[in-house]
Amino acid sequence: MKVALFDYGAGNLHSLGKALERGGAAVEVTSNWDRALGADALVLPGVGAFSAAAEALPADRTRVREALESGLPCLGICLGMQLFFDGSDEGEGVGIGLIPGRVRKLDAPVVPHMGWNDVHGAADPLFAGLGGGLAGYYAHSYNCDPDDKSVVIGWTEYAGARIAAAVRYRRSWGVQFHPEKSSRAGLRLVANFLEEVKP
């Protein structure tokens, strides 16, 4: 199974690439959208800032959005999940617009949210074998606020607020935490994604 790991040019993708390979994928790191959208699945990593990552999207977001709406499997991690949305409080730029809604700054006394937090998952194949959730490793200052809350398949609590930890729209999943840094359970989640979307 060929998985495109998109490179925004913002950081180290090594640990995520290794997690995907461990799950059985052949990984190609690319910043070319023709290659990214031609793979069996696409992974949008959680490295960088929204504005810079949005600049790495095609000028016409319709191309990416229609590919995902048509069934190209995608896993968005942290920033990658945020790119599913229309825009972000973090800065200028337009997201893919796959999920209507906005990315908002965390309303908490300590920002960014760094470290481990429990994720409570819904009955979705992404959480198979994880007992309904896991402890996820977070490193973020913004959280996703979808217009339609039914897309949320996992929640976490931070500073007394309940925030979206995972979303799903058709064959696209997003997680706010970093599964590649979330120990054995995180690697299982990555493997679950690959198993669910394999050709």
N, C-alpha and C. Protein backbone atom coordinates (compact mmCIF):
# COMPACT_ATOMS: atom_id res chain seq x y z
N MET A 1 0.85 -1.19 0.00
CA MET A 1 0.00 0.00 0.00
C MET A 1 0.89 1.24 0.00
N LYS A 2 0.68 2.11 -0.99
CA LYS A 2 1.50 3.31 -1.14
C LYS A 2 0.83 4.49 -0.42
N VAL A 3 1.53 5.04 0.54
CA VAL A 3 1.02 6.17 1.31
C VAL A 3 1.89 7.39 1.05
N ALA A 4 1.25 8.49 0.69
CA ALA A 4 1.96 9.76 0.50
C ALA A 4 1.95 10.52 1.82
N LEU A 5 3.12 10.83 2.32
CA LEU A 5 3.28 11.65 3.52
C LEU A 5 3.66 13.04 3.05
N PHE A 6 2.72 13.98 3.18
CA PHE A 6 2.95 15.29 2.57
C PHE A 6 3.94 16.10 3.40
N ASP A 7 4.84 16.77 2.69
CA ASP A 7 5.89 17.57 3.33
C ASP A 7 5.62 19.05 3.07
N TYR A 8 5.21 19.78 4.13
CA TYR A 8 5.00 21.23 4.01
C TYR A 8 6.32 21.99 4.00
N GLY A 9 7.44 21.30 4.22
CA GLY A 9 8.73 21.95 4.33
C GLY A 9 8.97 22.53 5.70
N ALA A 10 8.29 21.97 6.73
CA ALA A 10 8.32 22.59 8.06
C ALA A 10 9.02 21.78 9.14
N GLY A 11 9.43 20.54 8.86
CA GLY A 11 10.05 19.82 9.97
C GLY A 11 10.30 18.37 9.70
N ASN A 12 10.68 17.66 10.74
CA ASN A 12 11.09 16.27 10.67
C ASN A 12 9.88 15.34 10.63
N LEU A 13 9.80 14.51 9.60
CA LEU A 13 8.69 13.58 9.43
C LEU A 13 9.11 12.14 9.73
N HIS A 14 10.32 11.99 10.27
CA HIS A 14 10.90 10.66 10.42
C HIS A 14 10.05 9.72 11.27
N SER A 15 9.62 10.17 12.45
CA SER A 15 8.91 9.26 13.35
C SER A 15 7.55 8.86 12.78
N LEU A 16 6.88 9.77 12.09
CA LEU A 16 5.60 9.44 11.49
C LEU A 16 5.79 8.47 10.32
N GLY A 17 6.81 8.71 9.51
CA GLY A 17 7.10 7.79 8.42
C GLY A 17 7.39 6.39 8.93
N LYS A 18 8.14 6.29 10.02
CA LYS A 18 8.46 4.98 10.60
C LYS A 18 7.21 4.30 11.14
N ALA A 19 6.30 5.07 11.75
CA ALA A 19 5.06 4.49 12.26
C ALA A 19 4.21 3.93 11.13
N LEU A 20 4.16 4.63 10.01
CA LEU A 20 3.41 4.15 8.85
C LEU A 20 4.06 2.89 8.26
N GLU A 21 5.38 2.89 8.17
CA GLU A 21 6.07 1.70 7.65
C GLU A 21 5.86 0.51 8.57
N ARG A 22 5.87 0.75 9.86
CA ARG A 22 5.63 -0.33 10.80
C ARG A 22 4.23 -0.92 10.63
N GLY A 23 3.28 -0.08 10.21
CA GLY A 23 1.93 -0.54 9.94
C GLY A 23 1.76 -1.23 8.60
N GLY A 24 2.85 -1.31 7.84
CA GLY A 24 2.82 -2.04 6.57
C GLY A 24 2.77 -1.19 5.32
N ALA A 25 2.91 0.11 5.44
CA ALA A 25 2.80 0.99 4.28
C ALA A 25 4.16 1.21 3.63
N ALA A 26 4.12 1.43 2.32
CA ALA A 26 5.28 1.94 1.59
C ALA A 26 5.11 3.45 1.53
N VAL A 27 6.01 4.18 2.17
CA VAL A 27 5.83 5.62 2.37
C VAL A 27 6.65 6.42 1.38
N GLU A 28 6.02 7.39 0.76
CA GLU A 28 6.72 8.37 -0.06
C GLU A 28 6.50 9.75 0.54
N VAL A 29 7.56 10.40 0.95
CA VAL A 29 7.48 11.78 1.41
C VAL A 29 7.52 12.68 0.18
N THR A 30 6.51 13.54 0.03
CA THR A 30 6.42 14.35 -1.18
C THR A 30 5.79 15.71 -0.88
N SER A 31 6.15 16.69 -1.66
CA SER A 31 5.48 18.00 -1.63
C SER A 31 4.80 18.25 -2.98
N ASN A 32 4.67 17.19 -3.78
CA ASN A 32 4.05 17.28 -5.09
C ASN A 32 2.61 16.77 -4.99
N TRP A 33 1.64 17.63 -5.29
CA TRP A 33 0.24 17.24 -5.11
C TRP A 33 -0.22 16.19 -6.10
N ASP A 34 0.37 16.15 -7.30
CA ASP A 34 0.02 15.08 -8.24
C ASP A 34 0.36 13.72 -7.65
N ARG A 35 1.54 13.62 -7.05
CA ARG A 35 1.96 12.35 -6.44
C ARG A 35 1.16 12.07 -5.18
N ALA A 36 0.90 13.11 -4.39
CA ALA A 36 0.17 12.93 -3.14
C ALA A 36 -1.24 12.40 -3.39
N LEU A 37 -1.91 12.97 -4.38
CA LEU A 37 -3.30 12.59 -4.66
C LEU A 37 -3.39 11.32 -5.49
N GLY A 38 -2.25 10.85 -6.01
CA GLY A 38 -2.22 9.61 -6.77
C GLY A 38 -1.88 8.39 -5.95
N ALA A 39 -1.62 8.58 -4.66
CA ALA A 39 -1.26 7.45 -3.79
C ALA A 39 -2.53 6.71 -3.34
N ASP A 40 -2.32 5.58 -2.67
CA ASP A 40 -3.46 4.82 -2.13
C ASP A 40 -4.08 5.54 -0.93
N ALA A 41 -3.28 6.32 -0.22
CA ALA A 41 -3.75 7.09 0.94
C ALA A 41 -2.82 8.28 1.14
N LEU A 42 -3.35 9.30 1.78
CA LEU A 42 -2.62 10.54 2.03
C LEU A 42 -2.55 10.78 3.53
N VAL A 43 -1.38 11.19 4.02
CA VAL A 43 -1.23 11.57 5.42
C VAL A 43 -0.73 13.01 5.48
N LEU A 44 -1.47 13.84 6.20
CA LEU A 44 -1.10 15.24 6.43
C LEU A 44 -0.52 15.34 7.83
N PRO A 45 0.77 15.60 7.97
CA PRO A 45 1.42 15.54 9.28
C PRO A 45 1.15 16.77 10.14
N GLY A 46 1.57 16.68 11.39
CA GLY A 46 1.30 17.72 12.37
C GLY A 46 2.49 18.59 12.65
N VAL A 47 3.15 19.06 11.63
CA VAL A 47 4.37 19.87 11.81
C VAL A 47 4.16 21.22 11.16
N GLY A 48 4.40 22.32 11.92
CA GLY A 48 4.37 23.65 11.34
C GLY A 48 3.19 24.48 11.78
N ALA A 49 3.05 25.64 11.16
CA ALA A 49 1.98 26.59 11.47
C ALA A 49 0.93 26.57 10.37
N PHE A 50 -0.31 26.92 10.71
CA PHE A 50 -1.42 26.84 9.77
C PHE A 50 -1.15 27.66 8.51
N SER A 51 -0.72 28.90 8.66
CA SER A 51 -0.55 29.77 7.50
C SER A 51 0.46 29.21 6.51
N ALA A 52 1.60 28.73 7.03
CA ALA A 52 2.63 28.18 6.16
C ALA A 52 2.15 26.91 5.48
N ALA A 53 1.44 26.06 6.23
CA ALA A 53 0.93 24.82 5.65
C ALA A 53 -0.14 25.12 4.61
N ALA A 54 -0.99 26.11 4.88
CA ALA A 54 -2.02 26.49 3.91
C ALA A 54 -1.40 26.97 2.61
N GLU A 55 -0.25 27.63 2.70
CA GLU A 55 0.44 28.08 1.49
C GLU A 55 0.94 26.91 0.66
N ALA A 56 1.17 25.77 1.32
CA ALA A 56 1.64 24.58 0.60
C ALA A 56 0.51 23.84 -0.10
N LEU A 57 -0.74 24.21 0.20
CA LEU A 57 -1.88 23.62 -0.50
C LEU A 57 -1.96 24.20 -1.92
N PRO A 58 -2.59 23.47 -2.85
CA PRO A 58 -2.77 24.05 -4.19
C PRO A 58 -3.58 25.34 -4.11
N ALA A 59 -3.32 26.24 -5.04
CA ALA A 59 -4.07 27.51 -5.06
C ALA A 59 -5.57 27.24 -5.12
N ASP A 60 -5.96 26.22 -5.88
CA ASP A 60 -7.36 25.81 -5.93
C ASP A 60 -7.55 24.61 -5.00
N ARG A 61 -8.11 24.88 -3.81
CA ARG A 61 -8.30 23.82 -2.81
C ARG A 61 -9.29 22.75 -3.28
N THR A 62 -10.09 23.09 -4.30
CA THR A 62 -11.13 22.18 -4.78
C THR A 62 -10.53 20.83 -5.16
N ARG A 63 -9.37 20.85 -5.72
CA ARG A 63 -8.72 19.62 -6.18
C ARG A 63 -8.51 18.63 -5.04
N VAL A 64 -7.99 19.12 -3.92
CA VAL A 64 -7.76 18.25 -2.77
C VAL A 64 -9.08 17.86 -2.13
N ARG A 65 -9.96 18.82 -1.95
CA ARG A 65 -11.25 18.55 -1.31
C ARG A 65 -12.04 17.50 -2.09
N GLU A 66 -12.08 17.63 -3.41
CA GLU A 66 -12.84 16.67 -4.21
C GLU A 66 -12.22 15.28 -4.18
N ALA A 67 -10.89 15.20 -4.10
CA ALA A 67 -10.24 13.89 -3.99
C ALA A 67 -10.64 13.21 -2.69
N LEU A 68 -10.66 13.96 -1.59
CA LEU A 68 -11.04 13.39 -0.31
C LEU A 68 -12.53 13.05 -0.27
N GLU A 69 -13.36 13.92 -0.83
CA GLU A 69 -14.79 13.66 -0.87
C GLU A 69 -15.12 12.44 -1.73
N SER A 70 -14.26 12.18 -2.72
CA SER A 70 -14.48 11.05 -3.62
C SER A 70 -13.94 9.74 -3.07
N GLY A 71 -13.28 9.80 -1.91
CA GLY A 71 -12.89 8.55 -1.27
C GLY A 71 -11.40 8.32 -1.08
N LEU A 72 -10.54 9.27 -1.49
CA LEU A 72 -9.12 9.09 -1.20
C LEU A 72 -8.94 9.08 0.31
N PRO A 73 -8.43 7.98 0.89
CA PRO A 73 -8.27 7.94 2.35
C PRO A 73 -7.22 8.96 2.81
N CYS A 74 -7.49 9.58 3.94
CA CYS A 74 -6.57 10.58 4.47
C CYS A 74 -6.55 10.51 5.99
N LEU A 75 -5.37 10.67 6.55
CA LEU A 75 -5.19 10.83 7.99
C LEU A 75 -4.50 12.16 8.23
N GLY A 76 -5.20 13.07 8.92
CA GLY A 76 -4.62 14.36 9.27
C GLY A 76 -4.24 14.37 10.74
N ILE A 77 -3.01 14.74 11.04
CA ILE A 77 -2.49 14.69 12.40
C ILE A 77 -2.20 16.11 12.88
N CYS A 78 -2.81 16.50 13.99
CA CYS A 78 -2.62 17.82 14.61
C CYS A 78 -2.86 18.92 13.57
N LEU A 79 -1.84 19.57 13.09
CA LEU A 79 -2.01 20.59 12.05
C LEU A 79 -2.71 20.01 10.82
N GLY A 80 -2.39 18.75 10.49
CA GLY A 80 -3.03 18.11 9.34
C GLY A 80 -4.54 18.01 9.51
N MET A 81 -4.99 17.71 10.73
CA MET A 81 -6.43 17.71 11.02
C MET A 81 -6.99 19.12 10.88
N GLN A 82 -6.27 20.11 11.36
CA GLN A 82 -6.75 21.49 11.29
C GLN A 82 -6.91 21.97 9.85
N LEU A 83 -6.10 21.44 8.94
CA LEU A 83 -6.21 21.82 7.53
C LEU A 83 -7.49 21.32 6.88
N PHE A 84 -8.18 20.36 7.49
CA PHE A 84 -9.48 19.92 6.98
C PHE A 84 -10.51 21.05 7.03
N PHE A 85 -10.28 22.05 7.89
CA PHE A 85 -11.27 23.08 8.19
C PHE A 85 -11.10 24.30 7.29
N ASP A 86 -12.01 25.26 7.44
CA ASP A 86 -12.03 26.42 6.55
C ASP A 86 -10.88 27.40 6.82
N GLY A 87 -10.59 27.63 8.10
CA GLY A 87 -9.56 28.59 8.44
C GLY A 87 -9.21 28.48 9.91
N SER A 88 -8.23 29.28 10.35
CA SER A 88 -7.71 29.16 11.71
C SER A 88 -7.45 30.52 12.32
N ASP A 89 -7.66 30.61 13.63
CA ASP A 89 -7.30 31.82 14.38
C ASP A 89 -5.78 32.03 14.40
N GLU A 90 -5.03 30.99 14.06
CA GLU A 90 -3.57 31.09 14.14
C GLU A 90 -3.01 32.09 13.14
N GLY A 91 -3.69 32.26 12.02
CA GLY A 91 -3.17 33.18 11.03
C GLY A 91 -3.96 33.12 9.74
N GLU A 92 -3.47 33.86 8.77
CA GLU A 92 -4.14 33.91 7.48
C GLU A 92 -3.99 32.59 6.74
N GLY A 93 -4.81 32.44 5.73
CA GLY A 93 -4.75 31.23 4.93
C GLY A 93 -6.06 30.49 4.98
N VAL A 94 -6.32 29.75 3.92
CA VAL A 94 -7.56 29.00 3.78
C VAL A 94 -7.24 27.52 3.78
N GLY A 95 -8.01 26.76 4.58
CA GLY A 95 -7.80 25.33 4.63
C GLY A 95 -8.47 24.62 3.46
N ILE A 96 -8.54 23.31 3.55
CA ILE A 96 -9.11 22.49 2.48
C ILE A 96 -10.62 22.68 2.40
N GLY A 97 -11.26 22.94 3.53
CA GLY A 97 -12.70 23.12 3.55
C GLY A 97 -13.48 21.82 3.46
N LEU A 98 -12.84 20.72 3.83
CA LEU A 98 -13.53 19.42 3.82
C LEU A 98 -14.60 19.37 4.90
N ILE A 99 -14.28 19.93 6.08
CA ILE A 99 -15.21 19.96 7.21
C ILE A 99 -15.52 21.42 7.53
N PRO A 100 -16.75 21.86 7.35
CA PRO A 100 -17.08 23.25 7.68
C PRO A 100 -16.82 23.53 9.17
N GLY A 101 -16.20 24.65 9.44
CA GLY A 101 -15.87 25.02 10.81
C GLY A 101 -14.56 25.78 10.86
N ARG A 102 -14.12 26.07 12.08
CA ARG A 102 -12.92 26.89 12.26
C ARG A 102 -12.03 26.31 13.34
N VAL A 103 -10.75 26.61 13.22
CA VAL A 103 -9.77 26.23 14.23
C VAL A 103 -9.58 27.43 15.15
N ARG A 104 -9.82 27.21 16.45
CA ARG A 104 -9.82 28.32 17.40
C ARG A 104 -8.70 28.16 18.43
N LYS A 105 -8.21 29.29 18.93
CA LYS A 105 -7.17 29.25 19.95
C LYS A 105 -7.72 28.66 21.24
N LEU A 106 -6.93 27.81 21.88
CA LEU A 106 -7.35 27.21 23.14
C LEU A 106 -7.64 28.30 24.17
N ASP A 107 -8.76 28.17 24.84
CA ASP A 107 -9.11 29.08 25.93
C ASP A 107 -8.69 28.41 27.23
N ALA A 108 -7.44 28.59 27.60
CA ALA A 108 -6.87 27.88 28.75
C ALA A 108 -5.77 28.73 29.37
N PRO A 109 -5.52 28.55 30.68
CA PRO A 109 -4.48 29.35 31.33
C PRO A 109 -3.07 29.00 30.88
N VAL A 110 -2.88 27.76 30.40
CA VAL A 110 -1.56 27.35 29.92
C VAL A 110 -1.69 26.92 28.46
N VAL A 111 -1.05 27.66 27.58
CA VAL A 111 -1.03 27.37 26.15
C VAL A 111 0.41 27.52 25.68
N PRO A 112 0.95 26.55 24.94
CA PRO A 112 0.29 25.40 24.35
C PRO A 112 -0.01 24.28 25.35
N HIS A 113 -0.91 23.42 24.91
CA HIS A 113 -1.19 22.18 25.63
C HIS A 113 -0.14 21.16 25.21
N MET A 114 0.74 20.82 26.15
CA MET A 114 1.85 19.90 25.87
C MET A 114 1.76 18.71 26.82
N GLY A 115 1.82 17.52 26.27
CA GLY A 115 1.89 16.33 27.12
C GLY A 115 0.76 15.36 26.87
N TRP A 116 0.59 14.43 27.80
CA TRP A 116 -0.33 13.32 27.64
C TRP A 116 -1.73 13.67 28.14
N ASN A 117 -2.74 13.21 27.39
CA ASN A 117 -4.12 13.42 27.79
C ASN A 117 -4.95 12.24 27.29
N ASP A 118 -5.95 11.85 28.07
CA ASP A 118 -6.82 10.74 27.67
C ASP A 118 -7.70 11.15 26.50
N VAL A 119 -7.84 10.23 25.56
CA VAL A 119 -8.73 10.39 24.42
C VAL A 119 -9.84 9.37 24.58
N HIS A 120 -11.08 9.83 24.54
CA HIS A 120 -12.24 8.96 24.64
C HIS A 120 -12.85 8.84 23.25
N GLY A 121 -12.76 7.64 22.68
CA GLY A 121 -13.17 7.45 21.31
C GLY A 121 -14.55 6.85 21.17
N ALA A 122 -15.16 7.13 20.03
CA ALA A 122 -16.45 6.55 19.69
C ALA A 122 -16.22 5.18 19.05
N ALA A 123 -17.29 4.55 18.66
CA ALA A 123 -17.20 3.23 18.02
C ALA A 123 -16.79 3.42 16.56
N ASP A 124 -15.52 3.64 16.35
CA ASP A 124 -14.98 3.85 15.01
C ASP A 124 -13.81 2.90 14.82
N PRO A 125 -13.61 2.38 13.60
CA PRO A 125 -12.49 1.46 13.37
C PRO A 125 -11.13 2.05 13.72
N LEU A 126 -11.01 3.37 13.74
CA LEU A 126 -9.73 3.99 14.09
C LEU A 126 -9.30 3.59 15.51
N PHE A 127 -10.27 3.33 16.39
CA PHE A 127 -9.98 3.00 17.78
C PHE A 127 -10.10 1.50 18.07
N ALA A 128 -10.11 0.68 17.03
CA ALA A 128 -10.25 -0.77 17.22
C ALA A 128 -9.13 -1.31 18.11
N GLY A 129 -9.50 -2.13 19.07
CA GLY A 129 -8.52 -2.75 19.96
C GLY A 129 -7.92 -1.84 21.00
N LEU A 130 -8.48 -0.65 21.13
CA LEU A 130 -7.92 0.34 22.08
C LEU A 130 -8.85 0.58 23.27
N GLY A 131 -9.85 -0.26 23.43
CA GLY A 131 -10.73 -0.15 24.59
C GLY A 131 -11.50 1.16 24.65
N GLY A 132 -11.82 1.72 23.48
CA GLY A 132 -12.61 2.95 23.46
C GLY A 132 -11.81 4.22 23.61
N GLY A 133 -10.49 4.12 23.58
CA GLY A 133 -9.67 5.32 23.68
C GLY A 133 -8.22 5.00 23.96
N LEU A 134 -7.45 6.03 24.26
CA LEU A 134 -6.02 5.86 24.52
C LEU A 134 -5.50 7.13 25.18
N ALA A 135 -4.28 7.08 25.65
CA ALA A 135 -3.58 8.27 26.10
C ALA A 135 -2.79 8.81 24.91
N GLY A 136 -3.11 10.04 24.51
CA GLY A 136 -2.45 10.63 23.36
C GLY A 136 -1.49 11.73 23.77
N TYR A 137 -0.45 11.91 22.96
CA TYR A 137 0.53 12.96 23.23
C TYR A 137 0.15 14.21 22.41
N TYR A 138 -0.02 15.31 23.11
CA TYR A 138 -0.47 16.56 22.49
C TYR A 138 0.64 17.61 22.49
N ALA A 139 0.61 18.44 21.44
CA ALA A 139 1.48 19.62 21.37
C ALA A 139 0.77 20.63 20.47
N HIS A 140 -0.18 21.39 21.06
CA HIS A 140 -0.98 22.29 20.23
C HIS A 140 -1.48 23.49 21.04
N SER A 141 -1.78 24.55 20.30
CA SER A 141 -2.34 25.77 20.88
C SER A 141 -3.73 26.08 20.36
N TYR A 142 -4.20 25.28 19.41
CA TYR A 142 -5.47 25.53 18.75
C TYR A 142 -6.28 24.24 18.69
N ASN A 143 -7.60 24.37 18.69
CA ASN A 143 -8.45 23.19 18.61
C ASN A 143 -9.52 23.39 17.54
N CYS A 144 -10.00 22.28 17.00
CA CYS A 144 -10.95 22.30 15.89
C CYS A 144 -12.38 22.42 16.41
N ASP A 145 -13.15 23.29 15.77
CA ASP A 145 -14.54 23.54 16.16
C ASP A 145 -15.43 23.34 14.93
N PRO A 146 -15.85 22.09 14.66
CA PRO A 146 -16.68 21.85 13.48
C PRO A 146 -18.10 22.39 13.67
N ASP A 147 -18.69 22.86 12.59
CA ASP A 147 -20.09 23.31 12.63
C ASP A 147 -21.01 22.15 12.99
N ASP A 148 -20.73 20.99 12.42
CA ASP A 148 -21.51 19.78 12.67
C ASP A 148 -20.73 18.89 13.64
N LYS A 149 -21.17 18.86 14.89
CA LYS A 149 -20.43 18.12 15.92
C LYS A 149 -20.47 16.60 15.72
N SER A 150 -21.34 16.13 14.82
CA SER A 150 -21.42 14.69 14.61
C SER A 150 -20.18 14.12 13.94
N VAL A 151 -19.31 14.99 13.38
CA VAL A 151 -18.07 14.49 12.78
C VAL A 151 -17.03 14.13 13.84
N VAL A 152 -17.25 14.57 15.08
CA VAL A 152 -16.29 14.31 16.15
C VAL A 152 -16.44 12.86 16.62
N ILE A 153 -15.34 12.09 16.55
CA ILE A 153 -15.36 10.68 16.97
C ILE A 153 -14.49 10.45 18.20
N GLY A 154 -13.87 11.48 18.71
CA GLY A 154 -13.05 11.35 19.91
C GLY A 154 -12.94 12.69 20.62
N TRP A 155 -12.94 12.65 21.95
CA TRP A 155 -12.90 13.87 22.77
C TRP A 155 -11.77 13.78 23.78
N THR A 156 -11.31 14.94 24.21
CA THR A 156 -10.41 15.02 25.35
C THR A 156 -10.83 16.23 26.17
N GLU A 157 -10.33 16.32 27.40
CA GLU A 157 -10.60 17.48 28.24
C GLU A 157 -9.29 18.16 28.58
N TYR A 158 -9.32 19.49 28.47
CA TYR A 158 -8.14 20.28 28.83
C TYR A 158 -8.60 21.58 29.46
N ALA A 159 -8.06 21.88 30.62
CA ALA A 159 -8.40 23.11 31.36
C ALA A 159 -9.91 23.24 31.55
N GLY A 160 -10.56 22.11 31.82
CA GLY A 160 -11.99 22.12 32.10
C GLY A 160 -12.88 22.18 30.88
N ALA A 161 -12.29 22.18 29.69
CA ALA A 161 -13.08 22.25 28.46
C ALA A 161 -12.99 20.93 27.69
N ARG A 162 -14.08 20.56 27.06
CA ARG A 162 -14.13 19.36 26.24
C ARG A 162 -13.83 19.75 24.80
N ILE A 163 -12.80 19.18 24.23
CA ILE A 163 -12.39 19.57 22.87
C ILE A 163 -12.29 18.34 21.98
N ALA A 164 -12.40 18.58 20.68
CA ALA A 164 -12.35 17.48 19.71
C ALA A 164 -10.93 16.91 19.65
N ALA A 165 -10.84 15.60 19.89
CA ALA A 165 -9.56 14.91 19.78
C ALA A 165 -9.43 14.18 18.45
N ALA A 166 -10.57 13.83 17.84
CA ALA A 166 -10.56 13.11 16.57
C ALA A 166 -11.84 13.41 15.81
N VAL A 167 -11.72 13.50 14.49
CA VAL A 167 -12.88 13.73 13.63
C VAL A 167 -12.84 12.74 12.47
N ARG A 168 -14.01 12.53 11.87
CA ARG A 168 -14.07 11.71 10.67
C ARG A 168 -15.11 12.27 9.71
N TYR A 169 -14.73 12.34 8.43
CA TYR A 169 -15.66 12.67 7.37
C TYR A 169 -15.39 11.70 6.23
N ARG A 170 -16.34 10.80 5.96
CA ARG A 170 -16.19 9.76 4.96
C ARG A 170 -14.93 8.95 5.24
N ARG A 171 -13.94 8.97 4.34
CA ARG A 171 -12.72 8.18 4.54
C ARG A 171 -11.53 9.05 4.96
N SER A 172 -11.84 10.20 5.54
CA SER A 172 -10.80 11.09 6.09
C SER A 172 -10.95 11.15 7.61
N TRP A 173 -9.86 10.89 8.30
CA TRP A 173 -9.82 10.95 9.76
C TRP A 173 -8.80 12.02 10.16
N GLY A 174 -9.09 12.72 11.25
CA GLY A 174 -8.13 13.65 11.81
C GLY A 174 -8.00 13.42 13.30
N VAL A 175 -6.78 13.54 13.81
CA VAL A 175 -6.54 13.43 15.24
C VAL A 175 -5.71 14.62 15.70
N GLN A 176 -6.11 15.23 16.83
CA GLN A 176 -5.41 16.42 17.32
C GLN A 176 -4.10 16.06 18.01
N PHE A 177 -4.00 14.85 18.51
CA PHE A 177 -2.77 14.39 19.18
C PHE A 177 -1.82 13.77 18.14
N HIS A 178 -0.65 13.37 18.59
CA HIS A 178 0.36 12.78 17.71
C HIS A 178 0.45 11.28 17.98
N PRO A 179 -0.19 10.44 17.15
CA PRO A 179 -0.13 9.00 17.41
C PRO A 179 1.29 8.44 17.28
N GLU A 180 2.11 9.05 16.44
CA GLU A 180 3.47 8.55 16.27
C GLU A 180 4.33 8.78 17.51
N LYS A 181 3.83 9.61 18.44
CA LYS A 181 4.54 9.88 19.70
C LYS A 181 3.76 9.35 20.90
N SER A 182 2.70 8.56 20.62
CA SER A 182 1.79 8.10 21.68
C SER A 182 1.95 6.62 22.02
N SER A 183 3.20 6.19 22.02
CA SER A 183 3.54 4.84 22.47
C SER A 183 2.85 3.77 21.63
N ARG A 184 2.68 2.59 22.21
CA ARG A 184 2.15 1.44 21.47
C ARG A 184 0.72 1.67 20.99
N ALA A 185 -0.09 2.34 21.82
CA ALA A 185 -1.49 2.60 21.43
C ALA A 185 -1.56 3.51 20.20
N GLY A 186 -0.67 4.49 20.13
CA GLY A 186 -0.65 5.37 18.97
C GLY A 186 -0.26 4.64 17.70
N LEU A 187 0.70 3.73 17.82
CA LEU A 187 1.09 2.93 16.66
C LEU A 187 -0.05 2.03 16.22
N ARG A 188 -0.82 1.52 17.19
CA ARG A 188 -1.98 0.70 16.84
C ARG A 188 -3.01 1.54 16.07
N LEU A 189 -3.20 2.78 16.48
CA LEU A 189 -4.14 3.65 15.78
C LEU A 189 -3.71 3.86 14.33
N VAL A 190 -2.43 4.10 14.11
CA VAL A 190 -1.92 4.26 12.74
C VAL A 190 -2.16 2.98 11.94
N ALA A 191 -1.87 1.83 12.57
CA ALA A 191 -2.10 0.54 11.90
C ALA A 191 -3.59 0.34 11.61
N ASN A 192 -4.46 0.78 12.51
CA ASN A 192 -5.90 0.67 12.29
C ASN A 192 -6.34 1.47 11.06
N PHE A 193 -5.78 2.67 10.93
CA PHE A 193 -6.08 3.49 9.75
C PHE A 193 -5.69 2.75 8.48
N LEU A 194 -4.48 2.23 8.46
CA LEU A 194 -4.00 1.53 7.27
C LEU A 194 -4.83 0.30 6.96
N GLU A 195 -5.21 -0.43 7.98
CA GLU A 195 -6.02 -1.63 7.79
C GLU A 195 -7.41 -1.27 7.25
N GLU A 196 -7.96 -0.19 7.73
CA GLU A 196 -9.31 0.21 7.33
C GLU A 196 -9.35 0.67 5.87
N VAL A 197 -8.28 1.25 5.38
CA VAL A 197 -8.33 1.87 4.05
C VAL A 197 -7.54 1.11 2.98
N LYS A 198 -6.96 -0.02 3.33
CA LYS A 198 -6.14 -0.74 2.36
C LYS A 198 -6.96 -1.13 1.14
N PRO A 199 -6.34 -1.06 -0.04
CA PRO A 199 -7.06 -1.38 -1.29
C PRO A 199 -7.53 -2.84 -1.30
